[in-house]
Amino acid sequence: CAEDGVSPVSPAQVALLRVYACIAEPPQTASTEPYTGPPPFRLLVTAQQVGCLIGKGGAIIKAMREESGAHIRVLPHEQLPACALEGDELLEIGASPPHACSAAVQAVSTRLRMYVPRPAAAPAAELLSPA
């Protein structure tokens, strides 16, 4: 475990990075076209956690971009997929070399893991009324 009590990489992060590695791997075809890199990697994130990725004045997302070398952005609501829940945001990592995107996926997932949203508290009326 790290000093903050959180192990550096969780099993879920390992799985996420393996999925990304499969997506980023160049196709095994006899195509004459050069491999231009992986498609953008998109991740649904709860609106409660987006702030921990952006930071005050965009400082955190800017630092993650600079450290990884990847493009990281929150896409407009119009681009949310049909499977998104109310309150979800769509984060995109892409348009970069695969190693930069992989570093960004790890940085984003680590940050999300550090800032798990608290469950919404039940309204006081529900807590006081008998079942």
N, C-alpha and C. Protein backbone atom coordinates (compact mmCIF):
# COMPACT_ATOMS: atom_id res chain seq x y z
N CYS A 1 0.83 -1.20 0.00
CA CYS A 1 0.00 0.00 0.00
C CYS A 1 0.87 1.26 0.00
N ALA A 2 0.35 2.27 -0.59
CA ALA A 2 1.03 3.57 -0.60
C ALA A 2 0.84 4.23 0.76
N GLU A 3 1.48 5.38 0.94
CA GLU A 3 1.39 6.09 2.22
C GLU A 3 -0.03 6.51 2.56
N ASP A 4 -0.87 6.74 1.55
CA ASP A 4 -2.24 7.18 1.81
C ASP A 4 -3.18 6.00 2.10
N GLY A 5 -2.63 4.77 2.16
CA GLY A 5 -3.44 3.61 2.47
C GLY A 5 -4.13 3.00 1.27
N VAL A 6 -3.91 3.55 0.09
CA VAL A 6 -4.50 3.03 -1.12
C VAL A 6 -3.40 2.35 -1.93
N SER A 7 -3.63 1.08 -2.31
CA SER A 7 -2.60 0.40 -3.09
C SER A 7 -2.43 1.13 -4.43
N PRO A 8 -1.23 1.12 -4.98
CA PRO A 8 -0.96 1.89 -6.19
C PRO A 8 -1.88 1.55 -7.37
N VAL A 9 -2.18 0.29 -7.56
CA VAL A 9 -3.05 -0.12 -8.67
C VAL A 9 -3.99 -1.21 -8.16
N SER A 10 -5.27 -0.97 -8.32
CA SER A 10 -6.27 -1.95 -7.88
C SER A 10 -6.50 -3.00 -8.95
N PRO A 11 -7.12 -4.13 -8.60
CA PRO A 11 -7.46 -5.14 -9.61
C PRO A 11 -8.38 -4.57 -10.71
N ALA A 12 -9.28 -3.67 -10.34
CA ALA A 12 -10.16 -3.05 -11.35
C ALA A 12 -9.34 -2.20 -12.32
N GLN A 13 -8.33 -1.51 -11.81
CA GLN A 13 -7.47 -0.71 -12.69
C GLN A 13 -6.66 -1.61 -13.61
N VAL A 14 -6.18 -2.73 -13.09
CA VAL A 14 -5.43 -3.67 -13.91
C VAL A 14 -6.32 -4.15 -15.06
N ALA A 15 -7.58 -4.47 -14.75
CA ALA A 15 -8.53 -4.91 -15.79
C ALA A 15 -8.76 -3.80 -16.81
N LEU A 16 -8.96 -2.57 -16.33
CA LEU A 16 -9.18 -1.44 -17.22
C LEU A 16 -7.98 -1.23 -18.15
N LEU A 17 -6.78 -1.32 -17.61
CA LEU A 17 -5.58 -1.15 -18.43
C LEU A 17 -5.41 -2.29 -19.43
N ARG A 18 -5.83 -3.50 -19.05
CA ARG A 18 -5.77 -4.63 -20.00
C ARG A 18 -6.75 -4.42 -21.15
N VAL A 19 -7.95 -3.94 -20.82
CA VAL A 19 -8.93 -3.65 -21.87
C VAL A 19 -8.36 -2.58 -22.81
N TYR A 20 -7.79 -1.53 -22.22
CA TYR A 20 -7.21 -0.48 -23.06
C TYR A 20 -6.10 -1.05 -23.95
N ALA A 21 -5.25 -1.91 -23.40
CA ALA A 21 -4.16 -2.49 -24.17
C ALA A 21 -4.69 -3.28 -25.37
N CYS A 22 -5.80 -3.99 -25.17
CA CYS A 22 -6.42 -4.73 -26.29
C CYS A 22 -6.95 -3.79 -27.36
N ILE A 23 -7.54 -2.69 -26.92
CA ILE A 23 -8.09 -1.71 -27.86
C ILE A 23 -6.95 -1.01 -28.61
N ALA A 24 -5.88 -0.72 -27.91
CA ALA A 24 -4.78 0.06 -28.49
C ALA A 24 -3.85 -0.76 -29.37
N GLU A 25 -3.93 -2.06 -29.26
CA GLU A 25 -3.03 -2.93 -30.02
C GLU A 25 -3.27 -2.77 -31.52
N PRO A 26 -2.19 -2.64 -32.30
CA PRO A 26 -2.37 -2.52 -33.75
C PRO A 26 -3.08 -3.76 -34.31
N PRO A 27 -3.94 -3.57 -35.31
CA PRO A 27 -4.64 -4.73 -35.88
C PRO A 27 -3.66 -5.69 -36.54
N GLN A 28 -3.98 -6.96 -36.46
CA GLN A 28 -3.13 -8.01 -37.03
C GLN A 28 -3.64 -8.36 -38.44
N THR A 29 -3.66 -7.39 -39.31
CA THR A 29 -4.12 -7.61 -40.68
C THR A 29 -2.99 -7.28 -41.65
N ALA A 30 -3.17 -7.68 -42.87
CA ALA A 30 -2.16 -7.42 -43.91
C ALA A 30 -2.44 -6.10 -44.63
N SER A 31 -2.96 -5.14 -43.90
CA SER A 31 -3.30 -3.85 -44.49
C SER A 31 -2.03 -3.10 -44.88
N THR A 32 -2.11 -2.39 -45.99
CA THR A 32 -0.98 -1.58 -46.43
C THR A 32 -1.00 -0.19 -45.80
N GLU A 33 -2.12 0.15 -45.14
CA GLU A 33 -2.23 1.45 -44.49
C GLU A 33 -1.47 1.43 -43.16
N PRO A 34 -0.73 2.49 -42.88
CA PRO A 34 0.00 2.53 -41.61
C PRO A 34 -0.96 2.65 -40.42
N TYR A 35 -0.56 2.07 -39.30
CA TYR A 35 -1.36 2.15 -38.08
C TYR A 35 -1.24 3.56 -37.52
N THR A 36 -2.36 4.24 -37.33
CA THR A 36 -2.35 5.63 -36.88
C THR A 36 -2.61 5.75 -35.38
N GLY A 37 -2.74 4.66 -34.70
CA GLY A 37 -2.96 4.70 -33.26
C GLY A 37 -4.35 4.23 -32.89
N PRO A 38 -4.57 4.07 -31.62
CA PRO A 38 -5.86 3.55 -31.15
C PRO A 38 -6.98 4.58 -31.26
N PRO A 39 -8.21 4.10 -31.25
CA PRO A 39 -9.33 5.04 -31.23
C PRO A 39 -9.39 5.72 -29.87
N PRO A 40 -10.12 6.82 -29.75
CA PRO A 40 -10.25 7.46 -28.44
C PRO A 40 -10.87 6.50 -27.43
N PHE A 41 -10.41 6.58 -26.20
CA PHE A 41 -10.91 5.74 -25.11
C PHE A 41 -11.91 6.59 -24.33
N ARG A 42 -13.14 6.12 -24.21
CA ARG A 42 -14.18 6.88 -23.52
C ARG A 42 -14.63 6.14 -22.28
N LEU A 43 -14.88 6.93 -21.25
CA LEU A 43 -15.22 6.38 -19.94
C LEU A 43 -16.35 7.20 -19.34
N LEU A 44 -17.42 6.52 -18.91
CA LEU A 44 -18.51 7.22 -18.21
C LEU A 44 -18.09 7.45 -16.77
N VAL A 45 -18.26 8.67 -16.32
CA VAL A 45 -17.87 9.08 -14.97
C VAL A 45 -19.06 9.79 -14.34
N THR A 46 -19.31 9.53 -13.05
CA THR A 46 -20.41 10.23 -12.40
C THR A 46 -20.08 11.71 -12.29
N ALA A 47 -21.10 12.53 -12.39
CA ALA A 47 -20.91 13.98 -12.30
C ALA A 47 -20.25 14.36 -10.98
N GLN A 48 -20.51 13.57 -9.92
CA GLN A 48 -19.91 13.85 -8.62
C GLN A 48 -18.40 13.73 -8.66
N GLN A 49 -17.87 12.92 -9.56
CA GLN A 49 -16.43 12.71 -9.61
C GLN A 49 -15.70 13.56 -10.65
N VAL A 50 -16.43 14.16 -11.55
CA VAL A 50 -15.78 14.94 -12.61
C VAL A 50 -14.96 16.07 -12.03
N GLY A 51 -15.45 16.69 -10.97
CA GLY A 51 -14.72 17.80 -10.35
C GLY A 51 -13.34 17.39 -9.87
N CYS A 52 -13.20 16.16 -9.38
CA CYS A 52 -11.89 15.70 -8.90
C CYS A 52 -10.92 15.49 -10.06
N LEU A 53 -11.46 15.32 -11.26
CA LEU A 53 -10.60 15.17 -12.44
C LEU A 53 -10.22 16.52 -13.05
N ILE A 54 -11.13 17.47 -12.96
CA ILE A 54 -10.89 18.78 -13.56
C ILE A 54 -10.07 19.66 -12.63
N GLY A 55 -10.49 19.73 -11.37
CA GLY A 55 -9.79 20.57 -10.40
C GLY A 55 -10.13 22.03 -10.56
N LYS A 56 -9.69 22.81 -9.60
CA LYS A 56 -9.98 24.25 -9.59
C LYS A 56 -9.31 24.90 -10.80
N GLY A 57 -10.13 25.54 -11.62
CA GLY A 57 -9.60 26.22 -12.80
C GLY A 57 -9.01 25.27 -13.84
N GLY A 58 -9.35 23.97 -13.76
CA GLY A 58 -8.82 22.99 -14.71
C GLY A 58 -7.40 22.55 -14.41
N ALA A 59 -6.91 22.85 -13.21
CA ALA A 59 -5.51 22.56 -12.87
C ALA A 59 -5.18 21.08 -12.90
N ILE A 60 -6.08 20.23 -12.40
CA ILE A 60 -5.78 18.79 -12.30
C ILE A 60 -5.77 18.15 -13.68
N ILE A 61 -6.78 18.43 -14.49
CA ILE A 61 -6.83 17.82 -15.82
C ILE A 61 -5.66 18.32 -16.67
N LYS A 62 -5.27 19.56 -16.49
CA LYS A 62 -4.13 20.11 -17.22
C LYS A 62 -2.85 19.38 -16.81
N ALA A 63 -2.68 19.14 -15.52
CA ALA A 63 -1.49 18.42 -15.03
C ALA A 63 -1.47 16.99 -15.57
N MET A 64 -2.63 16.32 -15.59
CA MET A 64 -2.69 14.95 -16.12
C MET A 64 -2.36 14.93 -17.60
N ARG A 65 -2.81 15.94 -18.34
CA ARG A 65 -2.49 16.04 -19.77
C ARG A 65 -0.99 16.19 -19.96
N GLU A 66 -0.39 17.10 -19.19
CA GLU A 66 1.04 17.37 -19.32
C GLU A 66 1.89 16.18 -18.91
N GLU A 67 1.51 15.51 -17.80
CA GLU A 67 2.29 14.36 -17.31
C GLU A 67 2.19 13.16 -18.24
N SER A 68 1.00 12.92 -18.80
CA SER A 68 0.82 11.74 -19.64
C SER A 68 1.14 12.01 -21.11
N GLY A 69 0.93 13.24 -21.55
CA GLY A 69 1.09 13.57 -22.97
C GLY A 69 -0.15 13.24 -23.78
N ALA A 70 -1.24 12.88 -23.11
CA ALA A 70 -2.48 12.50 -23.79
C ALA A 70 -3.49 13.65 -23.77
N HIS A 71 -4.41 13.59 -24.70
CA HIS A 71 -5.53 14.52 -24.72
C HIS A 71 -6.60 13.95 -23.80
N ILE A 72 -7.06 14.72 -22.85
CA ILE A 72 -8.12 14.30 -21.92
C ILE A 72 -9.15 15.41 -21.90
N ARG A 73 -10.41 15.05 -22.11
CA ARG A 73 -11.46 16.07 -22.08
C ARG A 73 -12.80 15.46 -21.70
N VAL A 74 -13.68 16.31 -21.18
CA VAL A 74 -15.05 15.92 -20.89
C VAL A 74 -15.87 16.35 -22.09
N LEU A 75 -16.59 15.40 -22.67
CA LEU A 75 -17.36 15.68 -23.88
C LEU A 75 -18.71 16.31 -23.55
N PRO A 76 -19.31 17.01 -24.52
CA PRO A 76 -20.62 17.63 -24.29
C PRO A 76 -21.69 16.56 -24.05
N HIS A 77 -22.75 16.95 -23.34
CA HIS A 77 -23.84 16.02 -23.00
C HIS A 77 -24.47 15.40 -24.25
N GLU A 78 -24.45 16.10 -25.36
CA GLU A 78 -25.05 15.57 -26.60
C GLU A 78 -24.34 14.29 -27.06
N GLN A 79 -23.13 14.07 -26.60
CA GLN A 79 -22.37 12.90 -27.03
C GLN A 79 -22.48 11.73 -26.06
N LEU A 80 -23.25 11.88 -25.00
CA LEU A 80 -23.44 10.77 -24.06
C LEU A 80 -24.09 9.59 -24.78
N PRO A 81 -23.63 8.37 -24.53
CA PRO A 81 -24.27 7.21 -25.15
C PRO A 81 -25.62 6.91 -24.49
N ALA A 82 -26.43 6.12 -25.16
CA ALA A 82 -27.77 5.78 -24.65
C ALA A 82 -27.70 5.05 -23.31
N CYS A 83 -26.60 4.37 -23.03
CA CYS A 83 -26.48 3.60 -21.78
C CYS A 83 -26.13 4.48 -20.57
N ALA A 84 -25.84 5.75 -20.80
CA ALA A 84 -25.46 6.65 -19.70
C ALA A 84 -26.64 6.87 -18.76
N LEU A 85 -26.31 6.98 -17.48
CA LEU A 85 -27.32 7.27 -16.47
C LEU A 85 -27.43 8.78 -16.27
N GLU A 86 -28.52 9.21 -15.66
CA GLU A 86 -28.67 10.62 -15.35
C GLU A 86 -27.53 11.02 -14.42
N GLY A 87 -26.87 12.10 -14.74
CA GLY A 87 -25.76 12.56 -13.91
C GLY A 87 -24.41 12.04 -14.37
N ASP A 88 -24.37 11.25 -15.45
CA ASP A 88 -23.09 10.77 -15.96
C ASP A 88 -22.47 11.82 -16.87
N GLU A 89 -21.16 11.79 -16.93
CA GLU A 89 -20.38 12.62 -17.85
C GLU A 89 -19.53 11.67 -18.67
N LEU A 90 -19.14 12.08 -19.88
CA LEU A 90 -18.33 11.25 -20.75
C LEU A 90 -16.94 11.84 -20.87
N LEU A 91 -15.96 11.08 -20.42
CA LEU A 91 -14.57 11.49 -20.46
C LEU A 91 -13.90 10.80 -21.64
N GLU A 92 -13.11 11.55 -22.40
CA GLU A 92 -12.42 10.98 -23.55
C GLU A 92 -10.92 11.16 -23.39
N ILE A 93 -10.21 10.08 -23.64
CA ILE A 93 -8.74 10.08 -23.64
C ILE A 93 -8.34 9.60 -25.03
N GLY A 94 -7.59 10.41 -25.73
CA GLY A 94 -7.21 9.95 -27.06
C GLY A 94 -6.40 10.93 -27.85
N ALA A 95 -6.29 10.61 -29.15
CA ALA A 95 -5.53 11.41 -30.10
C ALA A 95 -4.08 11.56 -29.65
N SER A 96 -3.55 10.49 -29.09
CA SER A 96 -2.18 10.51 -28.58
C SER A 96 -1.55 9.14 -28.84
N PRO A 97 -0.23 9.03 -28.68
CA PRO A 97 0.40 7.71 -28.79
C PRO A 97 -0.18 6.76 -27.73
N PRO A 98 -0.23 5.46 -28.02
CA PRO A 98 -0.81 4.50 -27.07
C PRO A 98 -0.21 4.57 -25.66
N HIS A 99 1.12 4.75 -25.55
CA HIS A 99 1.71 4.80 -24.20
C HIS A 99 1.22 6.02 -23.42
N ALA A 100 0.98 7.15 -24.12
CA ALA A 100 0.48 8.35 -23.45
C ALA A 100 -0.96 8.13 -22.99
N CYS A 101 -1.77 7.49 -23.85
CA CYS A 101 -3.16 7.20 -23.46
C CYS A 101 -3.20 6.23 -22.30
N SER A 102 -2.34 5.24 -22.31
CA SER A 102 -2.30 4.27 -21.21
C SER A 102 -1.94 4.97 -19.90
N ALA A 103 -0.99 5.88 -19.94
CA ALA A 103 -0.61 6.63 -18.74
C ALA A 103 -1.78 7.49 -18.27
N ALA A 104 -2.52 8.07 -19.21
CA ALA A 104 -3.68 8.89 -18.85
C ALA A 104 -4.80 8.05 -18.25
N VAL A 105 -5.05 6.86 -18.82
CA VAL A 105 -6.07 5.96 -18.28
C VAL A 105 -5.72 5.60 -16.84
N GLN A 106 -4.45 5.32 -16.59
CA GLN A 106 -4.03 4.98 -15.22
C GLN A 106 -4.17 6.18 -14.29
N ALA A 107 -3.78 7.36 -14.75
CA ALA A 107 -3.88 8.57 -13.91
C ALA A 107 -5.33 8.89 -13.58
N VAL A 108 -6.22 8.81 -14.58
CA VAL A 108 -7.63 9.10 -14.37
C VAL A 108 -8.25 8.08 -13.42
N SER A 109 -7.98 6.79 -13.65
CA SER A 109 -8.58 5.76 -12.80
C SER A 109 -8.05 5.84 -11.36
N THR A 110 -6.80 6.21 -11.20
CA THR A 110 -6.25 6.38 -9.85
C THR A 110 -6.94 7.53 -9.14
N ARG A 111 -7.12 8.62 -9.84
CA ARG A 111 -7.79 9.79 -9.25
C ARG A 111 -9.24 9.46 -8.90
N LEU A 112 -9.95 8.77 -9.77
CA LEU A 112 -11.34 8.39 -9.50
C LEU A 112 -11.41 7.47 -8.28
N ARG A 113 -10.44 6.61 -8.15
CA ARG A 113 -10.40 5.68 -7.02
C ARG A 113 -10.16 6.41 -5.69
N MET A 114 -9.40 7.50 -5.75
CA MET A 114 -9.12 8.27 -4.54
C MET A 114 -10.31 9.10 -4.10
N TYR A 115 -11.21 9.42 -5.04
CA TYR A 115 -12.35 10.30 -4.75
C TYR A 115 -13.66 9.59 -5.06
N VAL A 116 -13.99 8.61 -4.25
CA VAL A 116 -15.23 7.86 -4.40
C VAL A 116 -16.36 8.71 -3.83
N PRO A 117 -17.44 8.92 -4.61
CA PRO A 117 -18.53 9.76 -4.09
C PRO A 117 -19.26 9.08 -2.93
N ARG A 118 -19.71 9.88 -2.01
CA ARG A 118 -20.49 9.37 -0.89
C ARG A 118 -21.91 9.11 -1.34
N PRO A 119 -22.55 8.08 -0.78
CA PRO A 119 -23.95 7.86 -1.13
C PRO A 119 -24.80 9.04 -0.66
N ALA A 120 -25.83 9.33 -1.42
CA ALA A 120 -26.72 10.43 -1.05
C ALA A 120 -27.41 10.09 0.26
N ALA A 121 -27.49 11.05 1.13
CA ALA A 121 -28.16 10.84 2.42
C ALA A 121 -29.67 10.85 2.20
N ALA A 122 -30.36 10.03 2.97
CA ALA A 122 -31.83 9.99 2.90
C ALA A 122 -32.38 11.27 3.50
N PRO A 123 -33.46 11.81 2.93
CA PRO A 123 -34.08 13.00 3.51
C PRO A 123 -34.48 12.74 4.96
N ALA A 124 -34.43 13.77 5.78
CA ALA A 124 -34.73 13.64 7.21
C ALA A 124 -36.12 13.07 7.44
N ALA A 125 -37.09 13.43 6.61
CA ALA A 125 -38.46 12.91 6.77
C ALA A 125 -38.50 11.40 6.66
N GLU A 126 -37.69 10.83 5.77
CA GLU A 126 -37.65 9.38 5.62
C GLU A 126 -37.01 8.72 6.84
N LEU A 127 -36.05 9.38 7.43
CA LEU A 127 -35.36 8.81 8.59
C LEU A 127 -36.26 8.79 9.82
N LEU A 128 -37.15 9.76 9.94
CA LEU A 128 -37.99 9.87 11.12
C LEU A 128 -39.30 9.12 11.02
N SER A 129 -39.77 8.86 9.81
CA SER A 129 -41.09 8.21 9.69
C SER A 129 -40.94 6.70 9.91
N PRO A 130 -41.91 6.10 10.62
CA PRO A 130 -41.86 4.65 10.87
C PRO A 130 -42.13 3.89 9.57
N ALA A 131 -41.55 2.74 9.47
CA ALA A 131 -41.69 1.94 8.24
C ALA A 131 -42.99 1.19 8.20
